[in-house]
C-alpha atoms as a PDB file:
ATOM      1  CA  MET A   1     -47.492 106.661-129.897  1.00  0.00           C
ATOM      2  CA  GLU A   2     -46.543 103.496-132.315  1.00  0.00           C
ATOM      3  CA  LEU A   3     -49.237 100.942-131.257  1.00  0.00           C
ATOM      4  CA  LEU A   4     -46.818  98.202-130.152  1.00  0.00           C
ATOM      5  CA  SER A   5     -45.475 100.366-127.750  1.00  0.00           C
ATOM      6  CA  ARG A   6     -48.630 101.995-126.271  1.00  0.00           C
ATOM      7  CA  ILE A   7     -50.147  98.118-126.052  1.00  0.00           C
ATOM      8  CA  ARG A   8     -46.521  97.670-124.065  1.00  0.00           C
ATOM      9  CA  ALA A   9     -47.017 100.543-122.231  1.00  0.00           C
ATOM     10  CA  GLU A  10     -50.448 100.252-121.125  1.00  0.00           C
ATOM     11  CA  GLN A  11     -50.505  96.254-120.538  1.00  0.00           C
ATOM     12  CA  ALA A  12     -50.259  96.111-116.474  1.00  0.00           C
ATOM     13  CA  GLU A  13     -52.874  98.427-116.306  1.00  0.00           C
ATOM     14  CA  MET A  14     -55.153  97.016-118.175  1.00  0.00           C
ATOM     15  CA  PRO A  15     -58.157  94.795-117.163  1.00  0.00           C
ATOM     16  CA  GLU A  16     -57.263  91.120-117.080  1.00  0.00           C
ATOM     17  CA  ALA A  17     -59.007  89.769-119.602  1.00  0.00           C
ATOM     18  CA  LEU A  18     -58.064  92.784-121.971  1.00  0.00           C
ATOM     19  CA  ARG A  19     -54.127  92.329-121.064  1.00  0.00           C
ATOM     20  CA  LYS A  20     -54.605  88.713-122.048  1.00  0.00           C
ATOM     21  CA  VAL A  21     -55.442  89.752-125.729  1.00  0.00           C
ATOM     22  CA  ALA A  22     -52.353  92.499-125.135  1.00  0.00           C
ATOM     23  CA  GLU A  23     -50.201  89.370-124.511  1.00  0.00           C
ATOM     24  CA  VAL A  24     -50.904  87.497-127.289  1.00  0.00           C
ATOM     25  CA  ILE A  25     -50.208  90.995-129.793  1.00  0.00           C
ATOM     26  CA  LEU A  26     -47.387  91.595-128.669  1.00  0.00           C
ATOM     27  CA  ALA A  27     -45.872  87.774-128.872  1.00  0.00           C
ATOM     28  CA  ASP A  28     -46.331  87.994-132.433  1.00  0.00           C
ATOM     29  CA  PRO A  29     -47.528  91.143-133.923  1.00  0.00           C
ATOM     30  CA  ALA A  30     -47.779  89.893-137.245  1.00  0.00           C
ATOM     31  CA  GLU A  31     -49.880  86.617-136.796  1.00  0.00           C
ATOM     32  CA  ALA A  32     -52.146  89.054-135.435  1.00  0.00           C
ATOM     33  CA  ALA A  33     -52.368  90.876-137.995  1.00  0.00           C
ATOM     34  CA  ARG A  34     -53.591  88.187-140.153  1.00  0.00           C
ATOM     35  CA  SER A  35     -56.523  86.527-137.274  1.00  0.00           C
ATOM     36  CA  THR A  36     -59.895  86.775-137.595  1.00  0.00           C
ATOM     37  CA  ILE A  37     -61.576  88.411-134.367  1.00  0.00           C
ATOM     38  CA  VAL A  38     -63.012  84.431-133.341  1.00  0.00           C
ATOM     39  CA  ASP A  39     -59.009  83.251-134.071  1.00  0.00           C
ATOM     40  CA  LEU A  40     -57.721  86.269-131.664  1.00  0.00           C
ATOM     41  CA  ALA A  41     -60.113  85.591-129.291  1.00  0.00           C
ATOM     42  CA  GLU A  42     -59.683  81.640-128.921  1.00  0.00           C
ATOM     43  CA  ARG A  43     -56.402  82.217-128.680  1.00  0.00           C
ATOM     44  CA  SER A  44     -56.482  84.348-125.752  1.00  0.00           C
ATOM     45  CA  GLY A  45     -58.993  82.559-124.423  1.00  0.00           C
ATOM     46  CA  THR A  46     -61.267  85.280-124.190  1.00  0.00           C
ATOM     47  CA  SER A  47     -64.109  86.385-126.223  1.00  0.00           C
ATOM     48  CA  THR A  48     -64.981  88.720-129.599  1.00  0.00           C
ATOM     49  CA  ALA A  49     -66.740  91.110-127.361  1.00  0.00           C
ATOM     50  CA  THR A  50     -63.079  91.458-125.508  1.00  0.00           C
ATOM     51  CA  ILE A  51     -61.666  92.219-128.442  1.00  0.00           C
ATOM     52  CA  THR A  52     -63.721  94.963-129.174  1.00  0.00           C
ATOM     53  CA  ARG A  53     -63.524  96.550-125.784  1.00  0.00           C
ATOM     54  CA  LEU A  54     -59.642  97.003-126.371  1.00  0.00           C
ATOM     55  CA  CYS A  55     -60.007  98.190-129.913  1.00  0.00           C
ATOM     56  CA  ARG A  56     -62.013 100.579-128.541  1.00  0.00           C
ATOM     57  CA  ALA A  57     -59.757 101.344-125.719  1.00  0.00           C
ATOM     58  CA  LEU A  58     -56.616 101.650-128.078  1.00  0.00           C
ATOM     59  CA  GLY A  59     -58.763 104.273-129.841  1.00  0.00           C
ATOM     60  CA  PHE A  60     -59.982 102.050-133.419  1.00  0.00           C
ATOM     61  CA  GLY A  61     -63.475 102.461-134.389  1.00  0.00           C
ATOM     62  CA  GLY A  62     -63.067  98.171-134.318  1.00  0.00           C
ATOM     63  CA  TYR A  63     -61.290  95.085-135.263  1.00  0.00           C
ATOM     64  CA  ALA A  64     -60.547  95.825-138.723  1.00  0.00           C
ATOM     65  CA  GLU A  65     -59.397  99.470-137.926  1.00  0.00           C
ATOM     66  CA  LEU A  66     -56.478  97.184-135.392  1.00  0.00           C
ATOM     67  CA  ARG A  67     -55.670  94.275-137.721  1.00  0.00           C
ATOM     68  CA  VAL A  68     -54.945  97.075-140.496  1.00  0.00           C
ATOM     69  CA  ALA A  69     -52.817  99.471-138.023  1.00  0.00           C
ATOM     70  CA  LEU A  70     -51.057  96.332-136.927  1.00  0.00           C
ATOM     71  CA  ALA A  71     -50.447  94.992-140.291  1.00  0.00           C
ATOM     72  CA  THR A  72     -48.949  98.412-141.527  1.00  0.00           C
ATOM     73  CA  GLU A  73     -46.348  98.687-138.236  1.00  0.00           C
ATOM     74  CA  THR A  74     -45.503  94.771-138.427  1.00  0.00           C
ATOM     75  CA  GLY A  75     -44.601  95.573-142.357  1.00  0.00           C
ATOM     76  CA  ARG A  76     -42.187  98.361-141.564  1.00  0.00           C
ATOM     77  CA  VAL A  77     -40.598  96.294-139.436  1.00  0.00           C
ATOM     78  CA  ALA A  78     -40.256  93.870-141.555  1.00  0.00           C
ATOM     79  CA  GLN A  79     -38.731  96.481-144.100  1.00  0.00           C
ATOM     80  CA  GLN A  80     -35.652  97.160-141.019  1.00  0.00           C
ATOM     81  CA  PRO A  81     -33.412  94.073-141.108  1.00  0.00           C
ATOM     82  CA  TRP A  82     -31.507  95.317-138.325  1.00  0.00           C
ATOM     83  CA  GLU A  83     -34.622  95.372-136.180  1.00  0.00           C
ATOM     84  CA  THR A  84     -35.090  91.413-136.269  1.00  0.00           C
ATOM     85  CA  ASP A  85     -33.420  90.926-133.429  1.00  0.00           C
ATOM     86  CA  ILE A  86     -35.055  93.155-130.833  1.00  0.00           C
ATOM     87  CA  GLY A  87     -36.518  91.208-128.097  1.00  0.00           C
ATOM     88  CA  GLN A  88     -34.585  88.321-128.760  1.00  0.00           C
ATOM     89  CA  GLU A  89     -32.756  85.883-125.822  1.00  0.00           C
ATOM     90  CA  ILE A  90     -28.963  86.897-125.482  1.00  0.00           C
ATOM     91  CA  LEU A  91     -27.336  83.039-124.977  1.00  0.00           C
ATOM     92  CA  PRO A  92     -24.738  82.642-122.715  1.00  0.00           C
ATOM     93  CA  ASP A  93     -22.542  81.420-125.800  1.00  0.00           C
ATOM     94  CA  ASP A  94     -23.469  83.942-127.884  1.00  0.00           C
ATOM     95  CA  GLY A  95     -20.682  86.241-129.636  1.00  0.00           C
ATOM     96  CA  LEU A  96     -19.953  89.660-129.228  1.00  0.00           C
ATOM     97  CA  ASP A  97     -21.378  90.258-132.427  1.00  0.00           C
ATOM     98  CA  ARG A  98     -24.595  88.777-131.299  1.00  0.00           C
ATOM     99  CA  VAL A  99     -24.647  90.700-128.303  1.00  0.00           C
ATOM    100  CA  LEU A 100     -23.997  93.859-130.043  1.00  0.00           C
ATOM    101  CA  SER A 101     -26.467  93.386-132.771  1.00  0.00           C
ATOM    102  CA  VAL A 102     -29.513  92.683-129.892  1.00  0.00           C
ATOM    103  CA  VAL A 103     -28.621  95.600-127.472  1.00  0.00           C
ATOM    104  CA  SER A 104     -27.641  98.238-130.379  1.00  0.00           C
ATOM    105  CA  GLY A 105     -30.820  97.622-132.279  1.00  0.00           C
ATOM    106  CA  ASN A 106     -33.204  97.496-129.073  1.00  0.00           C
ATOM    107  CA  ASP A 107     -32.077 100.644-128.059  1.00  0.00           C
ATOM    108  CA  ILE A 108     -32.320 102.431-131.330  1.00  0.00           C
ATOM    109  CA  ARG A 109     -35.926 101.299-131.420  1.00  0.00           C
ATOM    110  CA  LEU A 110     -36.364 102.620-127.868  1.00  0.00           C
ATOM    111  CA  ILE A 111     -34.829 106.222-128.820  1.00  0.00           C
ATOM    112  CA  GLN A 112     -36.890 106.093-132.206  1.00  0.00           C
ATOM    113  CA  GLU A 113     -40.597 104.540-130.223  1.00  0.00           C
ATOM    114  CA  THR A 114     -39.891 107.136-127.980  1.00  0.00           C
ATOM    115  CA  ALA A 115     -39.253 110.282-130.266  1.00  0.00           C
ATOM    116  CA  SER A 116     -42.072 109.003-132.169  1.00  0.00           C
ATOM    117  CA  GLN A 117     -44.830 109.417-129.438  1.00  0.00           C
ATOM    118  CA  LEU A 118     -42.903 112.439-127.368  1.00  0.00           C
ATOM    119  CA  ASP A 119     -45.642 114.981-126.774  1.00  0.00           C
ATOM    120  CA  LEU A 120     -43.998 117.670-127.835  1.00  0.00           C
ATOM    121  CA  ALA A 121     -46.481 120.258-126.421  1.00  0.00           C
ATOM    122  CA  THR A 122     -46.196 118.837-122.700  1.00  0.00           C
ATOM    123  CA  VAL A 123     -41.924 119.248-123.439  1.00  0.00           C
ATOM    124  CA  GLU A 124     -42.714 123.181-124.063  1.00  0.00           C
ATOM    125  CA  LYS A 125     -44.720 123.149-120.958  1.00  0.00           C
ATOM    126  CA  VAL A 126     -41.836 121.671-119.189  1.00  0.00           C
ATOM    127  CA  ALA A 127     -39.131 123.475-120.600  1.00  0.00           C
ATOM    128  CA  GLY A 128     -41.090 126.709-119.998  1.00  0.00           C
ATOM    129  CA  ALA A 129     -41.432 125.961-116.376  1.00  0.00           C
ATOM    130  CA  ILE A 130     -37.689 125.060-115.411  1.00  0.00           C
ATOM    131  CA  ALA A 131     -36.688 128.123-117.220  1.00  0.00           C
ATOM    132  CA  GLN A 132     -38.692 130.439-115.223  1.00  0.00           C
ATOM    133  CA  ALA A 133     -38.241 128.047-112.035  1.00  0.00           C
ATOM    134  CA  GLY A 134     -36.871 129.064-108.567  1.00  0.00           C
ATOM    135  CA  ARG A 135     -35.910 126.279-107.887  1.00  0.00           C
ATOM    136  CA  VAL A 136     -35.661 122.401-109.552  1.00  0.00           C
ATOM    137  CA  LEU A 137     -35.773 119.270-107.642  1.00  0.00           C
ATOM    138  CA  LEU A 138     -35.187 115.756-109.550  1.00  0.00           C
ATOM    139  CA  PHE A 139     -35.764 112.547-107.694  1.00  0.00           C
ATOM    140  CA  GLY A 140     -35.249 109.183-108.810  1.00  0.00           C
ATOM    141  CA  VAL A 141     -33.767 105.705-107.717  1.00  0.00           C
ATOM    142  CA  SER A 142     -32.010 102.777-109.080  1.00  0.00           C
ATOM    143  CA  SER A 143     -30.962 104.066-112.609  1.00  0.00           C
ATOM    144  CA  SER A 144     -33.465 106.657-112.492  1.00  0.00           C
ATOM    145  CA  GLY A 145     -31.305 108.329-110.352  1.00  0.00           C
ATOM    146  CA  ALA A 146     -28.185 108.051-112.300  1.00  0.00           C
ATOM    147  CA  VAL A 147     -30.431 109.781-115.105  1.00  0.00           C
ATOM    148  CA  ALA A 148     -31.863 112.605-112.645  1.00  0.00           C
ATOM    149  CA  SER A 149     -27.671 113.106-111.824  1.00  0.00           C
ATOM    150  CA  GLU A 150     -27.104 113.989-115.130  1.00  0.00           C
ATOM    151  CA  MET A 151     -30.028 116.119-115.657  1.00  0.00           C
ATOM    152  CA  GLU A 152     -28.936 117.963-112.729  1.00  0.00           C
ATOM    153  CA  TYR A 153     -25.641 118.398-113.871  1.00  0.00           C
ATOM    154  CA  ARG A 154     -26.521 120.156-117.406  1.00  0.00           C
ATOM    155  CA  LEU A 155     -29.023 122.090-115.543  1.00  0.00           C
ATOM    156  CA  GLN A 156     -26.923 123.370-113.130  1.00  0.00           C
ATOM    157  CA  ARG A 157     -24.027 124.268-116.148  1.00  0.00           C
ATOM    158  CA  ILE A 158     -26.529 126.641-117.233  1.00  0.00           C
ATOM    159  CA  ARG A 159     -27.667 128.397-114.410  1.00  0.00           C
ATOM    160  CA  ILE A 160     -30.455 126.582-113.321  1.00  0.00           C
ATOM    161  CA  PRO A 161     -30.808 126.454-109.434  1.00  0.00           C
ATOM    162  CA  THR A 162     -31.333 122.149-109.781  1.00  0.00           C
ATOM    163  CA  TRP A 163     -30.785 119.543-106.606  1.00  0.00           C
ATOM    164  CA  CYS A 164     -31.057 115.486-107.587  1.00  0.00           C
ATOM    165  CA  ARG A 165     -32.044 113.424-104.185  1.00  0.00           C
ATOM    166  CA  SER A 166     -32.189 109.591-104.662  1.00  0.00           C
ATOM    167  CA  ASP A 167     -32.903 109.255-100.704  1.00  0.00           C
ATOM    168  CA  ALA A 168     -36.415 109.934 -99.578  1.00  0.00           C
ATOM    169  CA  HIS A 169     -36.362 111.669 -96.335  1.00  0.00           C
ATOM    170  CA  SER A 170     -34.091 114.578 -97.933  1.00  0.00           C
ATOM    171  CA  ALA A 171     -36.278 114.642-100.874  1.00  0.00           C
ATOM    172  CA  LEU A 172     -39.159 114.817 -99.736  1.00  0.00           C
ATOM    173  CA  THR A 173     -37.944 117.376 -97.047  1.00  0.00           C
ATOM    174  CA  ASP A 174     -36.473 119.669-100.454  1.00  0.00           C
ATOM    175  CA  ALA A 175     -39.909 118.916-101.547  1.00  0.00           C
ATOM    176  CA  ALA A 176     -41.850 120.720 -98.571  1.00  0.00           C
ATOM    177  CA  LEU A 177     -39.875 123.815 -99.134  1.00  0.00           C
ATOM    178  CA  LEU A 178     -40.890 124.100-102.911  1.00  0.00           C
ATOM    179  CA  GLY A 179     -43.636 126.971-103.868  1.00  0.00           C
ATOM    180  CA  GLN A 180     -45.261 128.604-106.836  1.00  0.00           C
ATOM    181  CA  GLY A 181     -42.765 128.305-110.176  1.00  0.00           C
ATOM    182  CA  ASP A 182     -40.617 126.006-108.626  1.00  0.00           C
ATOM    183  CA  VAL A 183     -40.218 122.576-110.713  1.00  0.00           C
ATOM    184  CA  ALA A 184     -40.222 118.914-109.071  1.00  0.00           C
ATOM    185  CA  ILE A 185     -39.379 115.822-111.124  1.00  0.00           C
ATOM    186  CA  GLY A 186     -39.876 112.236-110.723  1.00  0.00           C
ATOM    187  CA  ILE A 187     -38.003 109.656-112.832  1.00  0.00           C
ATOM    188  CA  SER A 188     -39.811 106.249-112.557  1.00  0.00           C
ATOM    189  CA  HIS A 189     -39.389 103.666-115.253  1.00  0.00           C
ATOM    190  CA  SER A 190     -42.544 101.860-113.928  1.00  0.00           C
ATOM    191  CA  GLY A 191     -44.498 104.601-112.624  1.00  0.00           C
ATOM    192  CA  ARG A 192     -44.880 102.546-109.271  1.00  0.00           C
ATOM    193  CA  THR A 193     -41.821 103.858-107.346  1.00  0.00           C
ATOM    194  CA  ARG A 194     -43.451 104.758-103.939  1.00  0.00           C
ATOM    195  CA  GLU A 195     -40.404 107.147-103.074  1.00  0.00           C
ATOM    196  CA  ALA A 196     -41.003 109.450-106.235  1.00  0.00           C
ATOM    197  CA  ILE A 197     -44.706 109.275-106.118  1.00  0.00           C
ATOM    198  CA  GLU A 198     -44.701 110.857-102.341  1.00  0.00           C
ATOM    199  CA  VAL A 199     -41.811 113.077-103.441  1.00  0.00           C
ATOM    200  CA  LEU A 200     -44.530 114.643-106.054  1.00  0.00           C
ATOM    201  CA  ALA A 201     -47.492 114.795-103.961  1.00  0.00           C
ATOM    202  CA  GLU A 202     -45.881 116.643-101.326  1.00  0.00           C
ATOM    203  CA  ALA A 203     -44.177 119.108-103.675  1.00  0.00           C
ATOM    204  CA  GLY A 204     -47.592 119.280-105.537  1.00  0.00           C
ATOM    205  CA  SER A 205     -49.256 120.119-102.458  1.00  0.00           C
ATOM    206  CA  HIS A 206     -47.238 123.132-101.846  1.00  0.00           C
ATOM    207  CA  GLY A 207     -47.718 124.462-105.255  1.00  0.00           C
ATOM    208  CA  ALA A 208     -44.929 123.621-107.349  1.00  0.00           C
ATOM    209  CA  ILE A 209     -45.033 122.133-110.886  1.00  0.00           C
ATOM    210  CA  THR A 210     -44.612 118.448-110.630  1.00  0.00           C
ATOM    211  CA  VAL A 211     -43.858 116.301-113.944  1.00  0.00           C
ATOM    212  CA  ALA A 212     -43.483 112.663-114.175  1.00  0.00           C
ATOM    213  CA  VAL A 213     -40.870 110.656-116.510  1.00  0.00           C
ATOM    214  CA  THR A 214     -42.138 107.345-117.060  1.00  0.00           C
ATOM    215  CA  SER A 215     -43.171 104.239-119.371  1.00  0.00           C
ATOM    216  CA  HIS A 216     -46.384 104.214-117.963  1.00  0.00           C
ATOM    217  CA  PRO A 217     -48.847 107.255-118.617  1.00  0.00           C
ATOM    218  CA  ARG A 218     -51.810 105.307-116.620  1.00  0.00           C
ATOM    219  CA  SER A 219     -49.164 104.983-113.516  1.00  0.00           C
ATOM    220  CA  PRO A 220     -49.905 106.260-110.052  1.00  0.00           C
ATOM    221  CA  LEU A 221     -46.707 108.479-110.415  1.00  0.00           C
ATOM    222  CA  ALA A 222     -48.784 109.977-113.715  1.00  0.00           C
ATOM    223  CA  GLU A 223     -52.011 110.399-111.830  1.00  0.00           C
ATOM    224  CA  VAL A 224     -49.809 112.652-109.129  1.00  0.00           C
ATOM    225  CA  ALA A 225     -48.118 114.473-111.583  1.00  0.00           C
ATOM    226  CA  GLU A 226     -48.942 117.875-113.591  1.00  0.00           C
ATOM    227  CA  LEU A 227     -47.369 117.272-116.755  1.00  0.00           C
ATOM    228  CA  VAL A 228     -46.315 113.531-117.855  1.00  0.00           C
ATOM    229  CA  VAL A 229     -43.525 112.962-120.457  1.00  0.00           C
ATOM    230  CA  THR A 230     -43.658 109.226-121.628  1.00  0.00           C
ATOM    231  CA  THR A 231     -40.930 106.928-122.953  1.00  0.00           C
ATOM    232  CA  SER A 232     -40.256 103.559-123.772  1.00  0.00           C
ATOM    233  CA  SER A 233     -38.900 100.666-122.588  1.00  0.00           C
ATOM    234  CA  ARG A 234     -38.346  96.731-123.503  1.00  0.00           C
ATOM    235  CA  GLU A 235     -36.805  94.182-121.455  1.00  0.00           C
ATOM    236  CA  THR A 236     -34.086  92.239-123.128  1.00  0.00           C
ATOM    237  CA  THR A 237     -31.405  89.276-121.659  1.00  0.00           C
ATOM    238  CA  PHE A 238     -29.607  90.706-118.319  1.00  0.00           C
ATOM    239  CA  ARG A 239     -31.526  94.561-119.074  1.00  0.00           C
ATOM    240  CA  ALA A 240     -34.469  94.604-117.056  1.00  0.00           C
ATOM    241  CA  GLU A 241     -36.601  97.403-118.630  1.00  0.00           C
ATOM    242  CA  GLY A 242     -35.629  99.420-115.868  1.00  0.00           C
ATOM    243  CA  PHE A 243     -31.721  99.610-117.529  1.00  0.00           C
ATOM    244  CA  ALA A 244     -33.416  99.170-120.385  1.00  0.00           C
ATOM    245  CA  ALA A 245     -35.160 102.827-120.203  1.00  0.00           C
ATOM    246  CA  ILE A 246     -32.271 104.681-119.470  1.00  0.00           C
ATOM    247  CA  HIS A 247     -31.642 105.907-123.429  1.00  0.00           C
ATOM    248  CA  SER A 248     -34.968 107.253-123.750  1.00  0.00           C
ATOM    249  CA  GLN A 249     -35.005 108.690-120.404  1.00  0.00           C
ATOM    250  CA  LEU A 250     -32.014 110.514-121.014  1.00  0.00           C
ATOM    251  CA  LEU A 251     -33.648 111.360-124.929  1.00  0.00           C
ATOM    252  CA  VAL A 252     -36.165 112.966-123.345  1.00  0.00           C
ATOM    253  CA  LEU A 253     -34.535 114.970-120.661  1.00  0.00           C
ATOM    254  CA  ASP A 254     -31.583 116.204-122.999  1.00  0.00           C
ATOM    255  CA  VAL A 255     -34.575 117.296-125.216  1.00  0.00           C
ATOM    256  CA  ILE A 256     -36.028 119.529-121.884  1.00  0.00           C
ATOM    257  CA  TYR A 257     -32.817 120.313-121.573  1.00  0.00           C
ATOM    258  CA  VAL A 258     -32.141 121.840-124.862  1.00  0.00           C
ATOM    259  CA  SER A 259     -35.528 123.472-124.930  1.00  0.00           C
ATOM    260  CA  VAL A 260     -34.317 125.634-121.385  1.00  0.00           C
ATOM    261  CA  ALA A 261     -30.898 126.756-122.915  1.00  0.00           C
ATOM    262  CA  GLN A 262     -33.140 128.195-126.079  1.00  0.00           C
ATOM    263  CA  ARG A 263     -34.677 130.332-123.729  1.00  0.00           C
ATOM    264  CA  THR A 264     -32.146 131.253-121.559  1.00  0.00           C
ATOM    265  CA  TYR A 265     -29.835 131.764-124.563  1.00  0.00           C
ATOM    266  CA  GLU A 266     -27.777 134.624-123.069  1.00  0.00           C
ATOM    267  CA  ARG A 267     -27.425 133.274-120.139  1.00  0.00           C
ATOM    268  CA  THR A 268     -26.584 129.645-121.033  1.00  0.00           C
ATOM    269  CA  ARG A 269     -23.998 131.135-123.968  1.00  0.00           C
ATOM    270  CA  LYS A 270     -21.968 133.351-120.723  1.00  0.00           C
ATOM    271  CA  ALA A 271     -22.308 130.345-118.531  1.00  0.00           C
ATOM    272  CA  PHE A 272     -20.611 127.999-120.790  1.00  0.00           C
ATOM    273  CA  ASP A 273     -17.378 130.165-121.566  1.00  0.00           C
ATOM    274  CA  LEU A 274     -17.472 130.726-117.997  1.00  0.00           C
ATOM    275  CA  THR A 275     -17.308 126.729-117.500  1.00  0.00           C
ATOM    276  CA  VAL A 276     -14.910 126.373-119.672  1.00  0.00           C
ATOM    277  CA  ARG A 277     -12.852 129.065-118.540  1.00  0.00           C
ATOM    278  CA  ALA A 278     -12.713 127.778-115.356  1.00  0.00           C
ATOM    279  CA  VAL A 279     -11.616 124.306-116.037  1.00  0.00           C
ATOM    280  CA  THR A 280      -9.200 124.755-119.119  1.00  0.00           C
ATOM    281  CA  GLY A 281      -6.096 124.616-116.974  1.00  0.00           C
ATOM    282  CA  HIS A 282      -7.046 121.135-116.413  1.00  0.00           C
ATOM    283  CA  ARG A 283      -6.849 119.741-119.938  1.00  0.00           C
ATOM    284  CA  LEU A 284      -3.647 118.772-121.353  1.00  0.00           C
ATOM    285  CA  PRO A 285      -2.406 120.232-124.961  1.00  0.00           C
ATOM    286  CA  GLU A 286      -3.455 118.721-128.083  1.00  0.00           C
ATOM    287  CA  GLY A 287      -0.642 116.899-128.571  1.00  0.00           C
ATOM    288  CA  ASP A 288       0.309 115.919-125.339  1.00  0.00           C
ATOM    289  CA  THR A 289       0.262 112.238-123.511  1.00  0.00           C
END
């Protein structure tokens, strides 16, 4: 996972002192890369010992390694001009060209970050479990519910018995009926949606394989899940992080879906042929208006 993405994802779960350092780094990564350990400690209102603890928490041997990683990542971003608008504010009087630049730049970057840190071994396990599942339960609320609904449609189209729920009561009763060989997937950007946590816990207690799709790998949802797939998200004006996470969530689930289709190739091909023929009569011939 790219360094800044990882810091952003784990920031909320860090102790207060480490979180202060993380905030300073994320506010200006290039400046942090140029700073000495003493400078960074002063700017964050912490100590050099705290900086060292953060380095070790991120997997670095010391501050020198962290600075090199920051310099490398910020240098790479500087070589890609389209990324300069990422994270910038959209003001009421901004033109659509500016809006397009900020929104598209942010979405492209999030997809790249998600792809670069995606654990393909975990994706393989999730896809394998879904391909063999007797029943798949998807749960999400709000924008995560819309993503879950899209995944439900795709899996049903290739004859995977799938149900999507956004109501906690319905989801919990479905989860209680799951068992060995079934799969429950909870989607939550924050990983702190109480209903999603409860649904996965209920499903897991009956032997189902539980999967969390979240931007926060140390969140309560991730802790209750057997398998965790992480996404990236970054807030922009008028787009809270939950909304911004939709594209990266769709990317992850799309990769899982295609991997399932590969495992069930003959069944998937026949299902597509049948469903295409079923709706052919509802499509106008080419050239008609």
